C-alpha atoms as a PDB file:
ATOM      1  CA  MET A   1     -25.163  32.833  38.375  1.00  0.00           C
ATOM      2  CA  GLN A   2     -27.515  30.172  36.994  1.00  0.00           C
ATOM      3  CA  VAL A   3     -25.892  28.026  34.303  1.00  0.00           C
ATOM      4  CA  GLY A   4     -27.411  25.036  32.561  1.00  0.00           C
ATOM      5  CA  GLY A   5     -30.207  24.868  35.133  1.00  0.00           C
ATOM      6  CA  ALA A   6     -27.794  24.179  37.999  1.00  0.00           C
ATOM      7  CA  PRO A   7     -27.363  26.607  40.913  1.00  0.00           C
ATOM      8  CA  ALA A   8     -23.882  27.964  41.052  1.00  0.00           C
ATOM      9  CA  ARG A   9     -21.902  30.799  42.505  1.00  0.00           C
ATOM     10  CA  GLU A  10     -20.948  33.470  40.001  1.00  0.00           C
ATOM     11  CA  PRO A  11     -17.254  33.489  39.059  1.00  0.00           C
ATOM     12  CA  GLN A  12     -15.248  36.520  39.954  1.00  0.00           C
ATOM     13  CA  GLN A  13     -15.233  39.090  37.172  1.00  0.00           C
ATOM     14  CA  SER A  14     -12.127  41.034  38.097  1.00  0.00           C
ATOM     15  CA  LEU A  15      -8.698  40.223  36.722  1.00  0.00           C
ATOM     16  CA  THR A  16      -5.522  40.804  38.635  1.00  0.00           C
ATOM     17  CA  THR A  17      -3.746  43.046  36.140  1.00  0.00           C
ATOM     18  CA  PRO A  18      -5.375  46.497  35.763  1.00  0.00           C
ATOM     19  CA  GLY A  19      -5.244  48.623  32.636  1.00  0.00           C
ATOM     20  CA  SER A  20      -4.700  45.801  30.152  1.00  0.00           C
ATOM     21  CA  GLU A  21      -4.490  46.578  26.425  1.00  0.00           C
ATOM     22  CA  GLU A  22      -7.701  46.577  24.399  1.00  0.00           C
ATOM     23  CA  TYR A  23      -7.709  43.832  21.802  1.00  0.00           C
ATOM     24  CA  THR A  24      -9.489  43.549  18.484  1.00  0.00           C
ATOM     25  CA  ASN A  25      -9.510  39.803  17.838  1.00  0.00           C
ATOM     26  CA  LEU A  26      -7.878  38.862  21.110  1.00  0.00           C
ATOM     27  CA  GLN A  27      -9.506  39.550  24.511  1.00  0.00           C
ATOM     28  CA  ARG A  28      -8.280  38.828  28.024  1.00  0.00           C
ATOM     29  CA  VAL A  29     -10.538  36.444  29.933  1.00  0.00           C
ATOM     30  CA  LYS A  30     -10.698  34.025  32.808  1.00  0.00           C
ATOM     31  CA  VAL A  31     -11.969  30.560  31.916  1.00  0.00           C
ATOM     32  CA  TYR A  32     -14.227  28.704  34.349  1.00  0.00           C
ATOM     33  CA  ARG A  33     -15.767  25.247  34.390  1.00  0.00           C
ATOM     34  CA  LEU A  34     -18.666  24.224  36.613  1.00  0.00           C
ATOM     35  CA  ASN A  35     -17.677  21.266  38.779  1.00  0.00           C
ATOM     36  CA  GLU A  36     -19.892  18.511  40.146  1.00  0.00           C
ATOM     37  CA  SER A  37     -20.503  20.367  43.408  1.00  0.00           C
ATOM     38  CA  GLY A  38     -21.907  23.386  41.579  1.00  0.00           C
ATOM     39  CA  HIS A  39     -18.878  25.626  42.048  1.00  0.00           C
ATOM     40  CA  TRP A  40     -16.793  27.253  39.341  1.00  0.00           C
ATOM     41  CA  ASP A  41     -13.243  25.985  38.885  1.00  0.00           C
ATOM     42  CA  ASP A  42     -10.820  28.647  37.659  1.00  0.00           C
ATOM     43  CA  LYS A  43      -8.986  27.106  34.704  1.00  0.00           C
ATOM     44  CA  GLY A  44      -6.698  30.070  34.082  1.00  0.00           C
ATOM     45  CA  THR A  45      -6.393  33.466  32.424  1.00  0.00           C
ATOM     46  CA  GLY A  46      -5.766  33.828  28.725  1.00  0.00           C
ATOM     47  CA  HIS A  47      -6.733  35.523  25.487  1.00  0.00           C
ATOM     48  CA  VAL A  48      -9.818  34.524  23.524  1.00  0.00           C
ATOM     49  CA  SER A  49     -10.300  34.861  19.790  1.00  0.00           C
ATOM     50  CA  CYS A  50     -12.670  33.598  17.111  1.00  0.00           C
ATOM     51  CA  GLU A  51     -10.759  31.393  14.701  1.00  0.00           C
ATOM     52  CA  TYR A  52     -11.760  29.743  11.438  1.00  0.00           C
ATOM     53  CA  MET A  53     -11.250  25.948  11.337  1.00  0.00           C
ATOM     54  CA  GLU A  54     -10.582  25.104   7.713  1.00  0.00           C
ATOM     55  CA  GLN A  55     -11.099  21.361   7.547  1.00  0.00           C
ATOM     56  CA  SER A  56     -14.448  21.378   9.357  1.00  0.00           C
ATOM     57  CA  ASP A  57     -15.495  24.710   7.786  1.00  0.00           C
ATOM     58  CA  SER A  58     -16.550  25.997  11.181  1.00  0.00           C
ATOM     59  CA  VAL A  59     -15.569  28.726  13.609  1.00  0.00           C
ATOM     60  CA  GLY A  60     -14.462  28.271  17.192  1.00  0.00           C
ATOM     61  CA  LEU A  61     -13.574  30.143  20.341  1.00  0.00           C
ATOM     62  CA  VAL A  62      -9.933  29.611  21.264  1.00  0.00           C
ATOM     63  CA  VAL A  63      -8.451  30.661  24.599  1.00  0.00           C
ATOM     64  CA  VAL A  64      -4.653  30.614  24.865  1.00  0.00           C
ATOM     65  CA  SER A  65      -3.047  30.863  28.296  1.00  0.00           C
ATOM     66  CA  GLU A  66      -1.165  34.094  28.899  1.00  0.00           C
ATOM     67  CA  GLU A  67       1.238  32.186  31.153  1.00  0.00           C
ATOM     68  CA  ASP A  68       2.575  29.428  28.906  1.00  0.00           C
ATOM     69  CA  GLN A  69       0.783  29.961  25.559  1.00  0.00           C
ATOM     70  CA  GLN A  70      -0.971  26.597  25.888  1.00  0.00           C
ATOM     71  CA  PRO A  71      -4.653  26.203  24.939  1.00  0.00           C
ATOM     72  CA  LEU A  72      -7.070  26.560  27.837  1.00  0.00           C
ATOM     73  CA  LEU A  73     -10.167  26.054  25.716  1.00  0.00           C
ATOM     74  CA  VAL A  74     -11.090  25.197  22.140  1.00  0.00           C
ATOM     75  CA  HIS A  75     -14.843  25.305  21.464  1.00  0.00           C
ATOM     76  CA  ARG A  76     -16.601  25.077  18.103  1.00  0.00           C
ATOM     77  CA  ILE A  77     -19.367  27.660  18.054  1.00  0.00           C
ATOM     78  CA  SER A  78     -22.710  25.881  18.133  1.00  0.00           C
ATOM     79  CA  ARG A  79     -25.576  26.446  15.727  1.00  0.00           C
ATOM     80  CA  ASP A  80     -27.942  26.107  18.695  1.00  0.00           C
ATOM     81  CA  ASP A  81     -28.970  28.907  21.041  1.00  0.00           C
ATOM     82  CA  ILE A  82     -26.842  27.778  23.978  1.00  0.00           C
ATOM     83  CA  TYR A  83     -25.026  31.029  24.870  1.00  0.00           C
ATOM     84  CA  GLN A  84     -26.022  33.452  27.627  1.00  0.00           C
ATOM     85  CA  ARG A  85     -24.838  36.872  28.834  1.00  0.00           C
ATOM     86  CA  GLN A  86     -24.472  37.264  32.581  1.00  0.00           C
ATOM     87  CA  GLY A  87     -22.518  39.200  35.192  1.00  0.00           C
ATOM     88  CA  GLY A  88     -23.378  42.689  33.997  1.00  0.00           C
ATOM     89  CA  ASP A  89     -22.447  41.927  30.381  1.00  0.00           C
ATOM     90  CA  THR A  90     -18.918  40.744  31.161  1.00  0.00           C
ATOM     91  CA  ILE A  91     -19.587  36.984  31.273  1.00  0.00           C
ATOM     92  CA  ILE A  92     -20.583  34.569  28.497  1.00  0.00           C
ATOM     93  CA  THR A  93     -21.746  31.120  29.567  1.00  0.00           C
ATOM     94  CA  TRP A  94     -22.908  27.979  27.829  1.00  0.00           C
ATOM     95  CA  THR A  95     -23.357  24.256  28.335  1.00  0.00           C
ATOM     96  CA  ASP A  96     -20.941  22.619  25.931  1.00  0.00           C
ATOM     97  CA  PRO A  97     -22.798  19.713  24.262  1.00  0.00           C
ATOM     98  CA  ASP A  98     -19.574  17.966  23.256  1.00  0.00           C
ATOM     99  CA  ILE A  99     -18.308  17.602  26.803  1.00  0.00           C
ATOM    100  CA  ASN A 100     -21.583  18.066  28.740  1.00  0.00           C
ATOM    101  CA  THR A 101     -19.983  20.733  30.899  1.00  0.00           C
ATOM    102  CA  ASP A 102     -20.934  24.314  31.759  1.00  0.00           C
ATOM    103  CA  ILE A 103     -18.311  26.848  30.673  1.00  0.00           C
ATOM    104  CA  ALA A 104     -17.963  30.545  31.521  1.00  0.00           C
ATOM    105  CA  LEU A 105     -15.716  33.204  30.034  1.00  0.00           C
ATOM    106  CA  SER A 106     -15.300  36.211  32.330  1.00  0.00           C
ATOM    107  CA  PHE A 107     -13.996  39.290  30.504  1.00  0.00           C
ATOM    108  CA  GLN A 108     -12.042  42.110  32.085  1.00  0.00           C
ATOM    109  CA  GLU A 109     -13.753  44.664  29.864  1.00  0.00           C
ATOM    110  CA  ALA A 110     -17.356  44.759  28.678  1.00  0.00           C
ATOM    111  CA  VAL A 111     -16.171  45.913  25.245  1.00  0.00           C
ATOM    112  CA  GLY A 112     -14.273  42.655  24.811  1.00  0.00           C
ATOM    113  CA  CYS A 113     -17.287  40.631  25.896  1.00  0.00           C
ATOM    114  CA  ASN A 114     -19.497  42.569  23.481  1.00  0.00           C
ATOM    115  CA  TYR A 115     -17.106  41.937  20.605  1.00  0.00           C
ATOM    116  CA  ILE A 116     -16.921  38.160  21.148  1.00  0.00           C
ATOM    117  CA  TRP A 117     -20.686  38.010  21.697  1.00  0.00           C
ATOM    118  CA  GLU A 118     -21.285  39.728  18.365  1.00  0.00           C
ATOM    119  CA  GLN A 119     -18.823  37.334  16.710  1.00  0.00           C
ATOM    120  CA  ILE A 120     -20.737  34.345  18.090  1.00  0.00           C
ATOM    121  CA  LYS A 121     -24.026  35.736  16.801  1.00  0.00           C
ATOM    122  CA  SER A 122     -22.528  36.558  13.400  1.00  0.00           C
ATOM    123  CA  VAL A 123     -21.132  33.041  13.073  1.00  0.00           C
ATOM    124  CA  GLN A 124     -24.514  31.530  13.968  1.00  0.00           C
ATOM    125  CA  GLN A 125     -26.174  33.724  11.337  1.00  0.00           C
ATOM    126  CA  SER A 126     -23.611  32.542   8.791  1.00  0.00           C
ATOM    127  CA  TYR A 127     -24.348  28.930   9.704  1.00  0.00           C
ATOM    128  CA  ALA A 128     -28.064  29.588   9.248  1.00  0.00           C
ATOM    129  CA  LYS A 129     -27.544  31.160   5.807  1.00  0.00           C
ATOM    130  CA  THR A 130     -25.381  28.236   4.729  1.00  0.00           C
ATOM    131  CA  ASP A 131     -27.993  25.742   5.949  1.00  0.00           C
ATOM    132  CA  VAL A 132     -30.735  27.527   4.019  1.00  0.00           C
ATOM    133  CA  LYS A 133     -28.637  27.404   0.842  1.00  0.00           C
ATOM    134  CA  GLY A 134     -28.130  23.686   1.360  1.00  0.00           C
ATOM    135  CA  GLY A 135     -24.380  23.962   1.794  1.00  0.00           C
ATOM    136  CA  GLY A 136     -21.665  26.046   0.245  1.00  0.00           C
ATOM    137  CA  GLU A 137     -18.893  28.210   1.604  1.00  0.00           C
ATOM    138  CA  LEU A 138     -19.289  29.647   5.083  1.00  0.00           C
ATOM    139  CA  ASP A 139     -19.778  33.419   5.009  1.00  0.00           C
ATOM    140  CA  LEU A 140     -17.348  34.567   7.681  1.00  0.00           C
ATOM    141  CA  PRO A 141     -17.969  37.644   9.840  1.00  0.00           C
ATOM    142  CA  GLY A 142     -15.869  40.736   9.202  1.00  0.00           C
ATOM    143  CA  ARG A 143     -12.284  40.674  10.490  1.00  0.00           C
ATOM    144  CA  LEU A 144     -12.335  36.914  10.975  1.00  0.00           C
ATOM    145  CA  ARG A 145      -9.269  35.376   9.373  1.00  0.00           C
ATOM    146  CA  ARG A 146     -10.046  32.616   6.896  1.00  0.00           C
ATOM    147  CA  GLY A 147      -7.447  29.911   7.204  1.00  0.00           C
ATOM    148  CA  ALA A 148      -6.188  31.242  10.558  1.00  0.00           C
ATOM    149  CA  VAL A 149      -6.466  27.697  11.871  1.00  0.00           C
ATOM    150  CA  ASP A 150      -6.101  24.758   9.495  1.00  0.00           C
ATOM    151  CA  GLU A 151      -7.391  22.083  11.800  1.00  0.00           C
ATOM    152  CA  TYR A 152      -8.049  21.376  15.467  1.00  0.00           C
ATOM    153  CA  GLU A 153      -7.221  17.902  16.631  1.00  0.00           C
ATOM    154  CA  PHE A 154      -7.591  18.564  20.336  1.00  0.00           C
ATOM    155  CA  GLY A 155      -9.136  15.650  22.180  1.00  0.00           C
ATOM    156  CA  SER A 156     -10.793  16.192  25.541  1.00  0.00           C
ATOM    157  CA  ALA A 157      -9.405  14.611  28.630  1.00  0.00           C
ATOM    158  CA  PRO A 158     -12.049  12.426  30.333  1.00  0.00           C
ATOM    159  CA  GLY A 159     -14.762  14.727  31.582  1.00  0.00           C
ATOM    160  CA  ASP A 160     -12.799  17.813  30.643  1.00  0.00           C
ATOM    161  CA  GLY A 161     -12.940  20.352  27.850  1.00  0.00           C
ATOM    162  CA  PHE A 162      -9.590  21.963  28.471  1.00  0.00           C
ATOM    163  CA  TYR A 163      -6.424  21.100  26.682  1.00  0.00           C
ATOM    164  CA  THR A 164      -3.266  20.870  28.715  1.00  0.00           C
ATOM    165  CA  ASP A 165      -1.383  18.056  26.978  1.00  0.00           C
ATOM    166  CA  SER A 166       2.134  19.428  26.711  1.00  0.00           C
ATOM    167  CA  GLY A 167       2.697  17.318  23.589  1.00  0.00           C
ATOM    168  CA  ARG A 168       0.530  19.751  21.669  1.00  0.00           C
ATOM    169  CA  ALA A 169       3.234  22.367  22.132  1.00  0.00           C
ATOM    170  CA  GLY A 170       5.160  20.642  19.358  1.00  0.00           C
ATOM    171  CA  PRO A 171       7.981  18.103  19.000  1.00  0.00           C
ATOM    172  CA  SER A 172      11.316  18.511  20.736  1.00  0.00           C
ATOM    173  CA  GLU A 173      13.159  17.695  17.496  1.00  0.00           C
ATOM    174  CA  LEU A 174      12.474  16.989  13.835  1.00  0.00           C
ATOM    175  CA  PRO A 175      13.405  13.870  11.871  1.00  0.00           C
ATOM    176  CA  PRO A 176      16.733  13.984  10.007  1.00  0.00           C
ATOM    177  CA  ALA A 177      16.807  15.730   6.623  1.00  0.00           C
ATOM    178  CA  MET A 178      16.838  12.538   4.572  1.00  0.00           C
ATOM    179  CA  LEU A 179      14.644  11.281   1.736  1.00  0.00           C
ATOM    180  CA  GLY A 180      13.352   8.424   3.864  1.00  0.00           C
ATOM    181  CA  SER A 181      12.263  10.830   6.595  1.00  0.00           C
ATOM    182  CA  LEU A 182      10.288  13.205   4.364  1.00  0.00           C
ATOM    183  CA  PRO A 183       6.852  11.572   4.873  1.00  0.00           C
ATOM    184  CA  GLU A 184       7.282  11.743   8.649  1.00  0.00           C
ATOM    185  CA  LEU A 185       8.343  15.384   8.454  1.00  0.00           C
ATOM    186  CA  VAL A 186       5.408  16.279   6.198  1.00  0.00           C
ATOM    187  CA  LYS A 187       3.032  14.672   8.687  1.00  0.00           C
ATOM    188  CA  THR A 188       4.612  16.583  11.579  1.00  0.00           C
ATOM    189  CA  VAL A 189       4.309  19.917   9.803  1.00  0.00           C
ATOM    190  CA  ALA A 190       0.859  19.365   8.300  1.00  0.00           C
ATOM    191  CA  GLU A 191      -0.819  18.002  11.417  1.00  0.00           C
ATOM    192  CA  CYS A 192       0.658  20.288  14.055  1.00  0.00           C
ATOM    193  CA  SER A 193      -1.714  22.272  16.252  1.00  0.00           C
ATOM    194  CA  PRO A 194      -1.810  26.052  15.820  1.00  0.00           C
ATOM    195  CA  PHE A 195      -0.007  26.317  19.138  1.00  0.00           C
ATOM    196  CA  ALA A 196       2.964  24.254  17.898  1.00  0.00           C
ATOM    197  CA  ARG A 197       3.713  26.211  14.742  1.00  0.00           C
ATOM    198  CA  GLU A 198       6.241  28.576  16.265  1.00  0.00           C
ATOM    199  CA  LYS A 199       8.128  25.666  17.839  1.00  0.00           C
ATOM    200  CA  ILE A 200       8.292  23.729  14.567  1.00  0.00           C
ATOM    201  CA  ALA A 201       9.405  26.821  12.646  1.00  0.00           C
ATOM    202  CA  SER A 202      12.213  27.372  15.141  1.00  0.00           C
ATOM    203  CA  LEU A 203      13.368  23.765  14.678  1.00  0.00           C
ATOM    204  CA  VAL A 204      13.364  24.140  10.891  1.00  0.00           C
ATOM    205  CA  LEU A 205      15.484  27.272  11.282  1.00  0.00           C
ATOM    206  CA  ARG A 206      18.210  25.487  13.191  1.00  0.00           C
ATOM    207  CA  LYS A 207      21.557  25.818  11.487  1.00  0.00           C
ATOM    208  CA  GLY A 208      21.625  24.156   8.088  1.00  0.00           C
ATOM    209  CA  TYR A 209      18.386  22.158   8.421  1.00  0.00           C
ATOM    210  CA  LEU A 210      16.282  24.059   5.890  1.00  0.00           C
ATOM    211  CA  ARG A 211      19.100  24.077   3.359  1.00  0.00           C
ATOM    212  CA  GLN A 212      19.455  20.327   3.761  1.00  0.00           C
ATOM    213  CA  LEU A 213      15.738  19.918   3.044  1.00  0.00           C
ATOM    214  CA  LEU A 214      15.955  22.040  -0.085  1.00  0.00           C
ATOM    215  CA  ASP A 215      18.966  20.039  -1.243  1.00  0.00           C
ATOM    216  CA  LEU A 216      16.683  16.997  -1.116  1.00  0.00           C
ATOM    217  CA  PHE A 217      14.442  18.747  -3.622  1.00  0.00           C
ATOM    218  CA  ARG A 218      17.407  19.064  -5.984  1.00  0.00           C
ATOM    219  CA  THR A 219      18.199  15.379  -5.480  1.00  0.00           C
ATOM    220  CA  CYS A 220      14.614  14.413  -6.318  1.00  0.00           C
ATOM    221  CA  GLU A 221      14.759  16.511  -9.488  1.00  0.00           C
ATOM    222  CA  ASP A 222      18.075  14.958 -10.543  1.00  0.00           C
ATOM    223  CA  LEU A 223      16.618  11.474 -10.028  1.00  0.00           C
ATOM    224  CA  ASP A 224      13.269  12.432 -11.605  1.00  0.00           C
ATOM    225  CA  ASP A 225      11.684  11.057  -8.419  1.00  0.00           C
ATOM    226  CA  ARG A 226       8.049  12.119  -8.895  1.00  0.00           C
ATOM    227  CA  ASP A 227       6.864  10.740  -5.558  1.00  0.00           C
ATOM    228  CA  GLY A 228       9.701  12.538  -3.833  1.00  0.00           C
ATOM    229  CA  LEU A 229       8.921  15.790  -5.646  1.00  0.00           C
ATOM    230  CA  HIS A 230       5.264  15.570  -4.648  1.00  0.00           C
ATOM    231  CA  THR A 231       6.329  15.022  -1.049  1.00  0.00           C
ATOM    232  CA  MET A 232       8.625  18.045  -1.267  1.00  0.00           C
ATOM    233  CA  TYR A 233       5.692  20.103  -2.549  1.00  0.00           C
ATOM    234  CA  ARG A 234       3.627  19.102   0.481  1.00  0.00           C
ATOM    235  CA  LEU A 235       6.511  19.856   2.798  1.00  0.00           C
ATOM    236  CA  VAL A 236       7.327  23.292   1.401  1.00  0.00           C
ATOM    237  CA  ARG A 237       3.646  24.206   1.272  1.00  0.00           C
ATOM    238  CA  GLY A 238       3.322  23.128   4.904  1.00  0.00           C
ATOM    239  CA  LEU A 239       6.303  25.275   5.883  1.00  0.00           C
ATOM    240  CA  VAL A 240       4.713  28.281   4.185  1.00  0.00           C
ATOM    241  CA  LEU A 241       1.417  27.636   5.997  1.00  0.00           C
ATOM    242  CA  LEU A 242       3.189  27.755   9.346  1.00  0.00           C
ATOM    243  CA  ASN A 243       2.922  31.504   8.747  1.00  0.00           C
ATOM    244  CA  ASP A 244       6.107  32.288  10.662  1.00  0.00           C
ATOM    245  CA  ALA A 245       7.818  35.563   9.763  1.00  0.00           C
ATOM    246  CA  SER A 246      11.358  34.353  10.452  1.00  0.00           C
ATOM    247  CA  LEU A 247      10.799  31.222   8.406  1.00  0.00           C
ATOM    248  CA  PHE A 248       9.355  33.308   5.556  1.00  0.00           C
ATOM    249  CA  ASP A 249      12.516  35.404   5.544  1.00  0.00           C
ATOM    250  CA  GLU A 250      14.690  32.312   5.306  1.00  0.00           C
ATOM    251  CA  LEU A 251      12.572  30.721   2.577  1.00  0.00           C
ATOM    252  CA  LEU A 252      12.871  33.902   0.512  1.00  0.00           C
ATOM    253  CA  ARG A 253      16.621  34.272   0.847  1.00  0.00           C
ATOM    254  CA  ASP A 254      18.410  34.399  -2.516  1.00  0.00           C
ATOM    255  CA  GLU A 255      20.015  30.999  -2.029  1.00  0.00           C
ATOM    256  CA  ASN A 256      16.673  29.349  -1.128  1.00  0.00           C
ATOM    257  CA  VAL A 257      13.883  31.047  -3.028  1.00  0.00           C
ATOM    258  CA  TRP A 258      14.361  29.281  -6.370  1.00  0.00           C
ATOM    259  CA  ASP A 259      14.280  25.868  -4.744  1.00  0.00           C
ATOM    260  CA  VAL A 260      11.168  26.887  -2.795  1.00  0.00           C
ATOM    261  CA  MET A 261       9.438  28.054  -5.958  1.00  0.00           C
ATOM    262  CA  GLY A 262      10.602  24.952  -7.790  1.00  0.00           C
ATOM    263  CA  ALA A 263       9.184  22.609  -5.157  1.00  0.00           C
ATOM    264  CA  LEU A 264       5.830  24.409  -5.298  1.00  0.00           C
ATOM    265  CA  GLU A 265       5.582  23.557  -9.005  1.00  0.00           C
ATOM    266  CA  TYR A 266       5.114  19.865  -8.199  1.00  0.00           C
ATOM    267  CA  ASP A 267       1.526  19.966  -6.954  1.00  0.00           C
ATOM    268  CA  PRO A 268       0.349  16.329  -7.076  1.00  0.00           C
ATOM    269  CA  ASP A 269      -3.287  17.404  -7.518  1.00  0.00           C
ATOM    270  CA  LEU A 270      -2.421  19.305 -10.675  1.00  0.00           C
ATOM    271  CA  ALA A 271      -0.400  16.350 -11.916  1.00  0.00           C
ATOM    272  CA  GLU A 272      -3.365  14.000 -11.473  1.00  0.00           C
ATOM    273  CA  SER A 273      -5.732  16.396 -13.249  1.00  0.00           C
ATOM    274  CA  GLY A 274      -3.298  16.948 -16.112  1.00  0.00           C
ATOM    275  CA  GLY A 275      -3.200  20.653 -15.367  1.00  0.00           C
ATOM    276  CA  GLY A 276       0.555  21.054 -15.396  1.00  0.00           C
ATOM    277  CA  GLY A 277       2.417  21.988 -12.261  1.00  0.00           C
ATOM    278  CA  GLU A 278       5.101  19.390 -12.851  1.00  0.00           C
ATOM    279  CA  GLY A 279       8.193  21.537 -13.142  1.00  0.00           C
ATOM    280  CA  GLU A 280      10.070  22.144 -16.324  1.00  0.00           C
ATOM    281  CA  GLY A 281       9.583  18.645 -17.557  1.00  0.00           C
ATOM    282  CA  GLY A 282       5.845  18.498 -16.650  1.00  0.00           C
END
């Protein structure tokens, strides 16, 4: 295979597990990176999907390891024509301009490769339409989930485009459920990577922790602590955006739901604009 003008041996296309399930938004791939000697380093096997990145209003390819659920690759789809099909239509390659490295995704099934290829092309067409209009909302391809990823903060290791920092799996514990710890907790929830959401949700669900947080909302209301109420809004909104089914169930329990709904009334943006949203006394 010829990638980025450098001679290289083609990565192996076959995967070790036969008869894998066909995916719609998630395809099984091997990830390769071209090393300095012109050979392909196998970075691992995982599942690739196209994900919307809300804060940058862009779309990226995300590969999550099937072994430990850690990210193998996060790549923002380029507006430029950098992508190639090789290996009998089961390999997509490109030279990543951000890390100046040649990358290859080798798919087990051609149908999966075709799907991701069409997603890449659709995203590039959407970029082009947005550029012509001089800005505006990105027109996402069909099936792509808007808001599936809030933000990617993955930094590359020196000379590497693969993300193996175990810290991105999430914290080992959360700060105590105290008023003074709320800003730290909001930051932890709001800035977590997509791969840490399940871990954070499980920590919130530890015995009594969520109830303690919601009791802080009641304390802030009793004290008419507007800053505290705005922080509680950000926290509860962040918990909802973790999009965890078990956490949803707990938030909607009879003893919790009214406090959850109450906290969501204290949107600081609405308060600043004079549009209400400040609870019963707003």
